[in-house]
Amino acid sequence: MEINLTVTRDYMLRKDAGPSAAKLLFDTRAVPLAVNMAGSLEVALNRAAARSGLRPSLILAGLAGAGALAVLRLVRASRRTRTRRAV
């Protein structure tokens, strides 16, 4: 079974000129929001590093460790709650 996928001249003539609505929304809303949030976090990290005298990588590692510990505790707490309900 062979599948032949080609773009014909008729398809190119019928094709819409612009991007889809989903891509347009992603490109105009989601990407700029994510970039602005990343930039804000970078500025906050640099300011915290300047005030504390610690390197930004150490602050970032500490925040990542604290976040991982919080997630681990939430998972363990939900497992305990689930086993208590089953009894």
PDB file of N, CA and C in Angstrom:
ATOM      1  N   MET A   1       0.854  -1.181   0.000  1.00  0.00           N
ATOM      2  CA  MET A   1       0.000   0.000   0.000  1.00  0.00           C
ATOM      3  C   MET A   1       0.892   1.233   0.000  1.00  0.00           C
ATOM      4  N   GLU A   2       0.826   1.978  -1.042  1.00  0.00           N
ATOM      5  CA  GLU A   2       1.643   3.174  -1.174  1.00  0.00           C
ATOM      6  C   GLU A   2       0.749   4.406  -1.114  1.00  0.00           C
ATOM      7  N   ILE A   3       1.177   5.362  -0.305  1.00  0.00           N
ATOM      8  CA  ILE A   3       0.420   6.609  -0.180  1.00  0.00           C
ATOM      9  C   ILE A   3       1.232   7.714  -0.838  1.00  0.00           C
ATOM     10  N   ASN A   4       0.613   8.377  -1.747  1.00  0.00           N
ATOM     11  CA  ASN A   4       1.278   9.443  -2.467  1.00  0.00           C
ATOM     12  C   ASN A   4       0.679  10.776  -2.011  1.00  0.00           C
ATOM     13  N   LEU A   5       1.468  11.567  -1.281  1.00  0.00           N
ATOM     14  CA  LEU A   5       1.003  12.860  -0.805  1.00  0.00           C
ATOM     15  C   LEU A   5       1.731  13.962  -1.570  1.00  0.00           C
ATOM     16  N   THR A   6       1.009  14.631  -2.385  1.00  0.00           N
ATOM     17  CA  THR A   6       1.599  15.739  -3.125  1.00  0.00           C
ATOM     18  C   THR A   6       0.695  16.955  -2.977  1.00  0.00           C
ATOM     19  N   VAL A   7       1.295  18.094  -3.056  1.00  0.00           N
ATOM     20  CA  VAL A   7       0.549  19.349  -3.016  1.00  0.00           C
ATOM     21  C   VAL A   7       0.358  19.787  -4.457  1.00  0.00           C
ATOM     22  N   THR A   8      -0.871  19.794  -4.859  1.00  0.00           N
ATOM     23  CA  THR A   8      -1.157  20.139  -6.254  1.00  0.00           C
ATOM     24  C   THR A   8      -1.345  21.646  -6.407  1.00  0.00           C
ATOM     25  N   ARG A   9      -1.381  22.053  -7.636  1.00  0.00           N
ATOM     26  CA  ARG A   9      -1.568  23.468  -7.948  1.00  0.00           C
ATOM     27  C   ARG A   9      -2.941  23.948  -7.467  1.00  0.00           C
ATOM     28  N   ASP A  10      -3.963  23.086  -7.583  1.00  0.00           N
ATOM     29  CA  ASP A  10      -5.311  23.452  -7.153  1.00  0.00           C
ATOM     30  C   ASP A  10      -5.367  23.714  -5.649  1.00  0.00           C
ATOM     31  N   TYR A  11      -4.666  22.876  -4.873  1.00  0.00           N
ATOM     32  CA  TYR A  11      -4.648  23.069  -3.418  1.00  0.00           C
ATOM     33  C   TYR A  11      -3.995  24.406  -3.070  1.00  0.00           C
ATOM     34  N   MET A  12      -2.912  24.724  -3.716  1.00  0.00           N
ATOM     35  CA  MET A  12      -2.221  25.981  -3.427  1.00  0.00           C
ATOM     36  C   MET A  12      -3.086  27.188  -3.803  1.00  0.00           C
ATOM     37  N   LEU A  13      -3.896  27.065  -4.815  1.00  0.00           N
ATOM     38  CA  LEU A  13      -4.766  28.174  -5.197  1.00  0.00           C
ATOM     39  C   LEU A  13      -5.931  28.340  -4.224  1.00  0.00           C
ATOM     40  N   ARG A  14      -6.398  27.232  -3.627  1.00  0.00           N
ATOM     41  CA  ARG A  14      -7.524  27.290  -2.696  1.00  0.00           C
ATOM     42  C   ARG A  14      -7.096  27.602  -1.270  1.00  0.00           C
ATOM     43  N   LYS A  15      -5.847  27.454  -0.954  1.00  0.00           N
ATOM     44  CA  LYS A  15      -5.352  27.602   0.411  1.00  0.00           C
ATOM     45  C   LYS A  15      -5.517  29.042   0.908  1.00  0.00           C
ATOM     46  N   ASP A  16      -5.875  29.175   2.206  1.00  0.00           N
ATOM     47  CA  ASP A  16      -5.995  30.509   2.807  1.00  0.00           C
ATOM     48  C   ASP A  16      -4.628  31.179   2.873  1.00  0.00           C
ATOM     49  N   ALA A  17      -4.641  32.483   2.824  1.00  0.00           N
ATOM     50  CA  ALA A  17      -3.387  33.225   2.790  1.00  0.00           C
ATOM     51  C   ALA A  17      -2.728  33.337   4.163  1.00  0.00           C
ATOM     52  N   GLY A  18      -3.511  33.533   5.220  1.00  0.00           N
ATOM     53  CA  GLY A  18      -2.937  33.803   6.532  1.00  0.00           C
ATOM     54  C   GLY A  18      -2.840  32.577   7.416  1.00  0.00           C
ATOM     55  N   PRO A  19      -2.261  32.763   8.599  1.00  0.00           N
ATOM     56  CA  PRO A  19      -2.168  31.646   9.545  1.00  0.00           C
ATOM     57  C   PRO A  19      -3.541  31.339  10.163  1.00  0.00           C
ATOM     58  N   SER A  20      -3.640  30.160  10.760  1.00  0.00           N
ATOM     59  CA  SER A  20      -4.902  29.773  11.386  1.00  0.00           C
ATOM     60  C   SER A  20      -5.156  30.643  12.615  1.00  0.00           C
ATOM     61  N   ALA A  21      -6.385  30.621  13.089  1.00  0.00           N
ATOM     62  CA  ALA A  21      -6.753  31.426  14.253  1.00  0.00           C
ATOM     63  C   ALA A  21      -5.988  30.971  15.493  1.00  0.00           C
ATOM     64  N   ALA A  22      -5.784  29.663  15.626  1.00  0.00           N
ATOM     65  CA  ALA A  22      -5.060  29.155  16.789  1.00  0.00           C
ATOM     66  C   ALA A  22      -3.599  29.615  16.775  1.00  0.00           C
ATOM     67  N   LYS A  23      -2.964  29.555  15.618  1.00  0.00           N
ATOM     68  CA  LYS A  23      -1.565  29.986  15.522  1.00  0.00           C
ATOM     69  C   LYS A  23      -1.455  31.488  15.748  1.00  0.00           C
ATOM     70  N   LEU A  24      -2.387  32.227  15.236  1.00  0.00           N
ATOM     71  CA  LEU A  24      -2.371  33.675  15.430  1.00  0.00           C
ATOM     72  C   LEU A  24      -2.524  34.030  16.908  1.00  0.00           C
ATOM     73  N   LEU A  25      -3.442  33.344  17.614  1.00  0.00           N
ATOM     74  CA  LEU A  25      -3.619  33.569  19.038  1.00  0.00           C
ATOM     75  C   LEU A  25      -2.346  33.206  19.799  1.00  0.00           C
ATOM     76  N   PHE A  26      -1.758  32.059  19.458  1.00  0.00           N
ATOM     77  CA  PHE A  26      -0.530  31.623  20.127  1.00  0.00           C
ATOM     78  C   PHE A  26       0.598  32.623  19.903  1.00  0.00           C
ATOM     79  N   ASP A  27       0.767  33.068  18.673  1.00  0.00           N
ATOM     80  CA  ASP A  27       1.858  33.986  18.343  1.00  0.00           C
ATOM     81  C   ASP A  27       1.664  35.382  18.914  1.00  0.00           C
ATOM     82  N   THR A  28       0.420  35.827  19.072  1.00  0.00           N
ATOM     83  CA  THR A  28       0.196  37.199  19.526  1.00  0.00           C
ATOM     84  C   THR A  28      -0.103  37.315  21.013  1.00  0.00           C
ATOM     85  N   ARG A  29      -0.513  36.224  21.659  1.00  0.00           N
ATOM     86  CA  ARG A  29      -0.866  36.285  23.088  1.00  0.00           C
ATOM     87  C   ARG A  29       0.036  35.420  23.963  1.00  0.00           C
ATOM     88  N   ALA A  30       0.126  34.144  23.658  1.00  0.00           N
ATOM     89  CA  ALA A  30       0.810  33.201  24.548  1.00  0.00           C
ATOM     90  C   ALA A  30       2.323  33.421  24.568  1.00  0.00           C
ATOM     91  N   VAL A  31       2.927  33.563  23.408  1.00  0.00           N
ATOM     92  CA  VAL A  31       4.390  33.716  23.354  1.00  0.00           C
ATOM     93  C   VAL A  31       4.838  35.018  24.013  1.00  0.00           C
ATOM     94  N   PRO A  32       4.239  36.170  23.705  1.00  0.00           N
ATOM     95  CA  PRO A  32       4.664  37.390  24.400  1.00  0.00           C
ATOM     96  C   PRO A  32       4.448  37.330  25.912  1.00  0.00           C
ATOM     97  N   LEU A  33       3.371  36.687  26.363  1.00  0.00           N
ATOM     98  CA  LEU A  33       3.131  36.551  27.793  1.00  0.00           C
ATOM     99  C   LEU A  33       4.227  35.715  28.446  1.00  0.00           C
ATOM    100  N   ALA A  34       4.584  34.602  27.824  1.00  0.00           N
ATOM    101  CA  ALA A  34       5.637  33.735  28.371  1.00  0.00           C
ATOM    102  C   ALA A  34       6.988  34.457  28.398  1.00  0.00           C
ATOM    103  N   VAL A  35       7.290  35.213  27.363  1.00  0.00           N
ATOM    104  CA  VAL A  35       8.558  35.954  27.311  1.00  0.00           C
ATOM    105  C   VAL A  35       8.589  37.040  28.376  1.00  0.00           C
ATOM    106  N   ASN A  36       7.477  37.744  28.566  1.00  0.00           N
ATOM    107  CA  ASN A  36       7.428  38.780  29.592  1.00  0.00           C
ATOM    108  C   ASN A  36       7.558  38.197  30.990  1.00  0.00           C
ATOM    109  N   MET A  37       6.931  37.041  31.227  1.00  0.00           N
ATOM    110  CA  MET A  37       7.051  36.398  32.537  1.00  0.00           C
ATOM    111  C   MET A  37       8.483  35.934  32.796  1.00  0.00           C
ATOM    112  N   ALA A  38       9.123  35.371  31.781  1.00  0.00           N
ATOM    113  CA  ALA A  38      10.511  34.935  31.932  1.00  0.00           C
ATOM    114  C   ALA A  38      11.426  36.125  32.206  1.00  0.00           C
ATOM    115  N   GLY A  39      11.186  37.223  31.527  1.00  0.00           N
ATOM    116  CA  GLY A  39      11.986  38.425  31.753  1.00  0.00           C
ATOM    117  C   GLY A  39      11.782  38.986  33.147  1.00  0.00           C
ATOM    118  N   SER A  40      10.550  38.972  33.629  1.00  0.00           N
ATOM    119  CA  SER A  40      10.268  39.456  34.981  1.00  0.00           C
ATOM    120  C   SER A  40      10.951  38.584  36.033  1.00  0.00           C
ATOM    121  N   LEU A  41      10.913  37.262  35.816  1.00  0.00           N
ATOM    122  CA  LEU A  41      11.593  36.359  36.751  1.00  0.00           C
ATOM    123  C   LEU A  41      13.094  36.574  36.748  1.00  0.00           C
ATOM    124  N   GLU A  42      13.657  36.844  35.575  1.00  0.00           N
ATOM    125  CA  GLU A  42      15.092  37.098  35.487  1.00  0.00           C
ATOM    126  C   GLU A  42      15.470  38.375  36.232  1.00  0.00           C
ATOM    127  N   VAL A  43      14.679  39.418  36.086  1.00  0.00           N
ATOM    128  CA  VAL A  43      14.944  40.679  36.789  1.00  0.00           C
ATOM    129  C   VAL A  43      14.834  40.480  38.294  1.00  0.00           C
ATOM    130  N   ALA A  44      13.792  39.751  38.729  1.00  0.00           N
ATOM    131  CA  ALA A  44      13.619  39.495  40.160  1.00  0.00           C
ATOM    132  C   ALA A  44      14.786  38.678  40.709  1.00  0.00           C
ATOM    133  N   LEU A  45      15.252  37.707  39.950  1.00  0.00           N
ATOM    134  CA  LEU A  45      16.394  36.900  40.372  1.00  0.00           C
ATOM    135  C   LEU A  45      17.661  37.739  40.472  1.00  0.00           C
ATOM    136  N   ASN A  46      17.896  38.614  39.520  1.00  0.00           N
ATOM    137  CA  ASN A  46      19.072  39.488  39.568  1.00  0.00           C
ATOM    138  C   ASN A  46      19.001  40.465  40.744  1.00  0.00           C
ATOM    139  N   ARG A  47      17.818  40.977  41.025  1.00  0.00           N
ATOM    140  CA  ARG A  47      17.681  41.897  42.159  1.00  0.00           C
ATOM    141  C   ARG A  47      17.901  41.176  43.484  1.00  0.00           C
ATOM    142  N   ALA A  48      17.360  39.956  43.595  1.00  0.00           N
ATOM    143  CA  ALA A  48      17.567  39.173  44.819  1.00  0.00           C
ATOM    144  C   ALA A  48      19.041  38.816  44.994  1.00  0.00           C
ATOM    145  N   ALA A  49      19.707  38.531  43.900  1.00  0.00           N
ATOM    146  CA  ALA A  49      21.129  38.211  43.971  1.00  0.00           C
ATOM    147  C   ALA A  49      21.936  39.433  44.392  1.00  0.00           C
ATOM    148  N   ALA A  50      21.574  40.588  43.882  1.00  0.00           N
ATOM    149  CA  ALA A  50      22.293  41.814  44.241  1.00  0.00           C
ATOM    150  C   ALA A  50      22.075  42.156  45.709  1.00  0.00           C
ATOM    151  N   ARG A  51      20.881  41.956  46.230  1.00  0.00           N
ATOM    152  CA  ARG A  51      20.592  42.290  47.628  1.00  0.00           C
ATOM    153  C   ARG A  51      21.229  41.301  48.594  1.00  0.00           C
ATOM    154  N   SER A  52      21.198  40.016  48.231  1.00  0.00           N
ATOM    155  CA  SER A  52      21.686  39.006  49.165  1.00  0.00           C
ATOM    156  C   SER A  52      23.178  38.739  49.033  1.00  0.00           C
ATOM    157  N   GLY A  53      23.754  39.078  47.897  1.00  0.00           N
ATOM    158  CA  GLY A  53      25.167  38.808  47.687  1.00  0.00           C
ATOM    159  C   GLY A  53      25.435  37.380  47.233  1.00  0.00           C
ATOM    160  N   LEU A  54      24.384  36.621  46.979  1.00  0.00           N
ATOM    161  CA  LEU A  54      24.544  35.250  46.493  1.00  0.00           C
ATOM    162  C   LEU A  54      24.483  35.236  44.971  1.00  0.00           C
ATOM    163  N   ARG A  55      25.079  34.197  44.394  1.00  0.00           N
ATOM    164  CA  ARG A  55      25.006  34.066  42.946  1.00  0.00           C
ATOM    165  C   ARG A  55      23.576  33.682  42.545  1.00  0.00           C
ATOM    166  N   PRO A  56      23.119  34.161  41.397  1.00  0.00           N
ATOM    167  CA  PRO A  56      21.767  33.824  40.947  1.00  0.00           C
ATOM    168  C   PRO A  56      21.537  32.319  40.806  1.00  0.00           C
ATOM    169  N   SER A  57      22.581  31.579  40.413  1.00  0.00           N
ATOM    170  CA  SER A  57      22.417  30.130  40.246  1.00  0.00           C
ATOM    171  C   SER A  57      22.117  29.449  41.576  1.00  0.00           C
ATOM    172  N   LEU A  58      22.696  29.947  42.669  1.00  0.00           N
ATOM    173  CA  LEU A  58      22.422  29.371  43.983  1.00  0.00           C
ATOM    174  C   LEU A  58      20.986  29.671  44.425  1.00  0.00           C
ATOM    175  N   ILE A  59      20.535  30.863  44.160  1.00  0.00           N
ATOM    176  CA  ILE A  59      19.162  31.226  44.505  1.00  0.00           C
ATOM    177  C   ILE A  59      18.184  30.381  43.694  1.00  0.00           C
ATOM    178  N   LEU A  60      18.465  30.231  42.404  1.00  0.00           N
ATOM    179  CA  LEU A  60      17.606  29.441  41.540  1.00  0.00           C
ATOM    180  C   LEU A  60      17.600  27.975  41.964  1.00  0.00           C
ATOM    181  N   ALA A  61      18.743  27.438  42.332  1.00  0.00           N
ATOM    182  CA  ALA A  61      18.812  26.043  42.792  1.00  0.00           C
ATOM    183  C   ALA A  61      18.029  25.872  44.092  1.00  0.00           C
ATOM    184  N   GLY A  62      18.133  26.827  44.987  1.00  0.00           N
ATOM    185  CA  GLY A  62      17.380  26.758  46.232  1.00  0.00           C
ATOM    186  C   GLY A  62      15.877  26.805  45.998  1.00  0.00           C
ATOM    187  N   LEU A  63      15.448  27.672  45.092  1.00  0.00           N
ATOM    188  CA  LEU A  63      14.017  27.758  44.766  1.00  0.00           C
ATOM    189  C   LEU A  63      13.527  26.477  44.096  1.00  0.00           C
ATOM    190  N   ALA A  64      14.341  25.911  43.223  1.00  0.00           N
ATOM    191  CA  ALA A  64      13.948  24.666  42.559  1.00  0.00           C
ATOM    192  C   ALA A  64      13.853  23.529  43.577  1.00  0.00           C
ATOM    193  N   GLY A  65      14.802  23.468  44.510  1.00  0.00           N
ATOM    194  CA  GLY A  65      14.761  22.446  45.552  1.00  0.00           C
ATOM    195  C   GLY A  65      13.557  22.598  46.457  1.00  0.00           C
ATOM    196  N   ALA A  66      13.247  23.835  46.825  1.00  0.00           N
ATOM    197  CA  ALA A  66      12.078  24.074  47.668  1.00  0.00           C
ATOM    198  C   ALA A  66      10.790  23.702  46.934  1.00  0.00           C
ATOM    199  N   GLY A  67      10.734  23.998  45.659  1.00  0.00           N
ATOM    200  CA  GLY A  67       9.557  23.632  44.866  1.00  0.00           C
ATOM    201  C   GLY A  67       9.404  22.120  44.743  1.00  0.00           C
ATOM    202  N   ALA A  68      10.518  21.426  44.526  1.00  0.00           N
ATOM    203  CA  ALA A  68      10.466  19.967  44.428  1.00  0.00           C
ATOM    204  C   ALA A  68      10.039  19.354  45.757  1.00  0.00           C
ATOM    205  N   LEU A  69      10.543  19.892  46.858  1.00  0.00           N
ATOM    206  CA  LEU A  69      10.159  19.394  48.176  1.00  0.00           C
ATOM    207  C   LEU A  69       8.667  19.632  48.435  1.00  0.00           C
ATOM    208  N   ALA A  70       8.159  20.779  48.032  1.00  0.00           N
ATOM    209  CA  ALA A  70       6.743  21.072  48.219  1.00  0.00           C
ATOM    210  C   ALA A  70       5.870  20.109  47.416  1.00  0.00           C
ATOM    211  N   VAL A  71       6.260  19.826  46.177  1.00  0.00           N
ATOM    212  CA  VAL A  71       5.506  18.890  45.354  1.00  0.00           C
ATOM    213  C   VAL A  71       5.552  17.498  45.957  1.00  0.00           C
ATOM    214  N   LEU A  72       6.712  17.087  46.445  1.00  0.00           N
ATOM    215  CA  LEU A  72       6.849  15.776  47.071  1.00  0.00           C
ATOM    216  C   LEU A  72       5.956  15.655  48.298  1.00  0.00           C
ATOM    217  N   ARG A  73       5.918  16.688  49.104  1.00  0.00           N
ATOM    218  CA  ARG A  73       5.055  16.662  50.297  1.00  0.00           C
ATOM    219  C   ARG A  73       3.578  16.631  49.924  1.00  0.00           C
ATOM    220  N   LEU A  74       3.195  17.348  48.877  1.00  0.00           N
ATOM    221  CA  LEU A  74       1.803  17.316  48.436  1.00  0.00           C
ATOM    222  C   LEU A  74       1.414  15.929  47.934  1.00  0.00           C
ATOM    223  N   VAL A  75       2.307  15.284  47.206  1.00  0.00           N
ATOM    224  CA  VAL A  75       2.025  13.941  46.709  1.00  0.00           C
ATOM    225  C   VAL A  75       1.887  12.969  47.866  1.00  0.00           C
ATOM    226  N   ARG A  76       2.791  13.050  48.824  1.00  0.00           N
ATOM    227  CA  ARG A  76       2.719  12.159  49.982  1.00  0.00           C
ATOM    228  C   ARG A  76       1.455  12.405  50.800  1.00  0.00           C
ATOM    229  N   ALA A  77       1.075  13.657  50.960  1.00  0.00           N
ATOM    230  CA  ALA A  77      -0.133  13.978  51.721  1.00  0.00           C
ATOM    231  C   ALA A  77      -1.380  13.459  51.002  1.00  0.00           C
ATOM    232  N   SER A  78      -1.403  13.554  49.695  1.00  0.00           N
ATOM    233  CA  SER A  78      -2.571  13.056  48.966  1.00  0.00           C
ATOM    234  C   SER A  78      -2.641  11.536  49.028  1.00  0.00           C
ATOM    235  N   ARG A  79      -1.501  10.862  49.051  1.00  0.00           N
ATOM    236  CA  ARG A  79      -1.503   9.400  49.189  1.00  0.00           C
ATOM    237  C   ARG A  79      -2.012   8.990  50.566  1.00  0.00           C
ATOM    238  N   ARG A  80      -1.590   9.721  51.580  1.00  0.00           N
ATOM    239  CA  ARG A  80      -2.062   9.412  52.942  1.00  0.00           C
ATOM    240  C   ARG A  80      -3.568   9.629  53.042  1.00  0.00           C
ATOM    241  N   THR A  81      -4.057  10.685  52.458  1.00  0.00           N
ATOM    242  CA  THR A  81      -5.493  10.977  52.488  1.00  0.00           C
ATOM    243  C   THR A  81      -6.260   9.896  51.753  1.00  0.00           C
ATOM    244  N   ARG A  82      -5.726   9.432  50.629  1.00  0.00           N
ATOM    245  CA  ARG A  82      -6.381   8.412  49.835  1.00  0.00           C
ATOM    246  C   ARG A  82      -6.450   7.084  50.595  1.00  0.00           C
ATOM    247  N   THR A  83      -5.382   6.736  51.320  1.00  0.00           N
ATOM    248  CA  THR A  83      -5.407   5.463  52.059  1.00  0.00           C
ATOM    249  C   THR A  83      -6.308   5.563  53.271  1.00  0.00           C
ATOM    250  N   ARG A  84      -6.427   6.728  53.885  1.00  0.00           N
ATOM    251  CA  ARG A  84      -7.339   6.886  55.024  1.00  0.00           C
ATOM    252  C   ARG A  84      -8.790   6.764  54.587  1.00  0.00           C
ATOM    253  N   ARG A  85      -9.114   7.267  53.420  1.00  0.00           N
ATOM    254  CA  ARG A  85     -10.478   7.191  52.930  1.00  0.00           C
ATOM    255  C   ARG A  85     -10.851   5.746  52.570  1.00  0.00           C
ATOM    256  N   ALA A  86      -9.874   4.983  52.118  1.00  0.00           N
ATOM    257  CA  ALA A  86     -10.148   3.605  51.703  1.00  0.00           C
ATOM    258  C   ALA A  86     -10.441   2.712  52.900  1.00  0.00           C
ATOM    259  N   VAL A  87      -9.956   3.084  54.089  1.00  0.00           N
ATOM    260  CA  VAL A  87     -10.137   2.238  55.268  1.00  0.00           C
ATOM    261  C   VAL A  87     -11.480   2.364  55.855  1.00  0.00           C
TER     262      VAL A  87
END
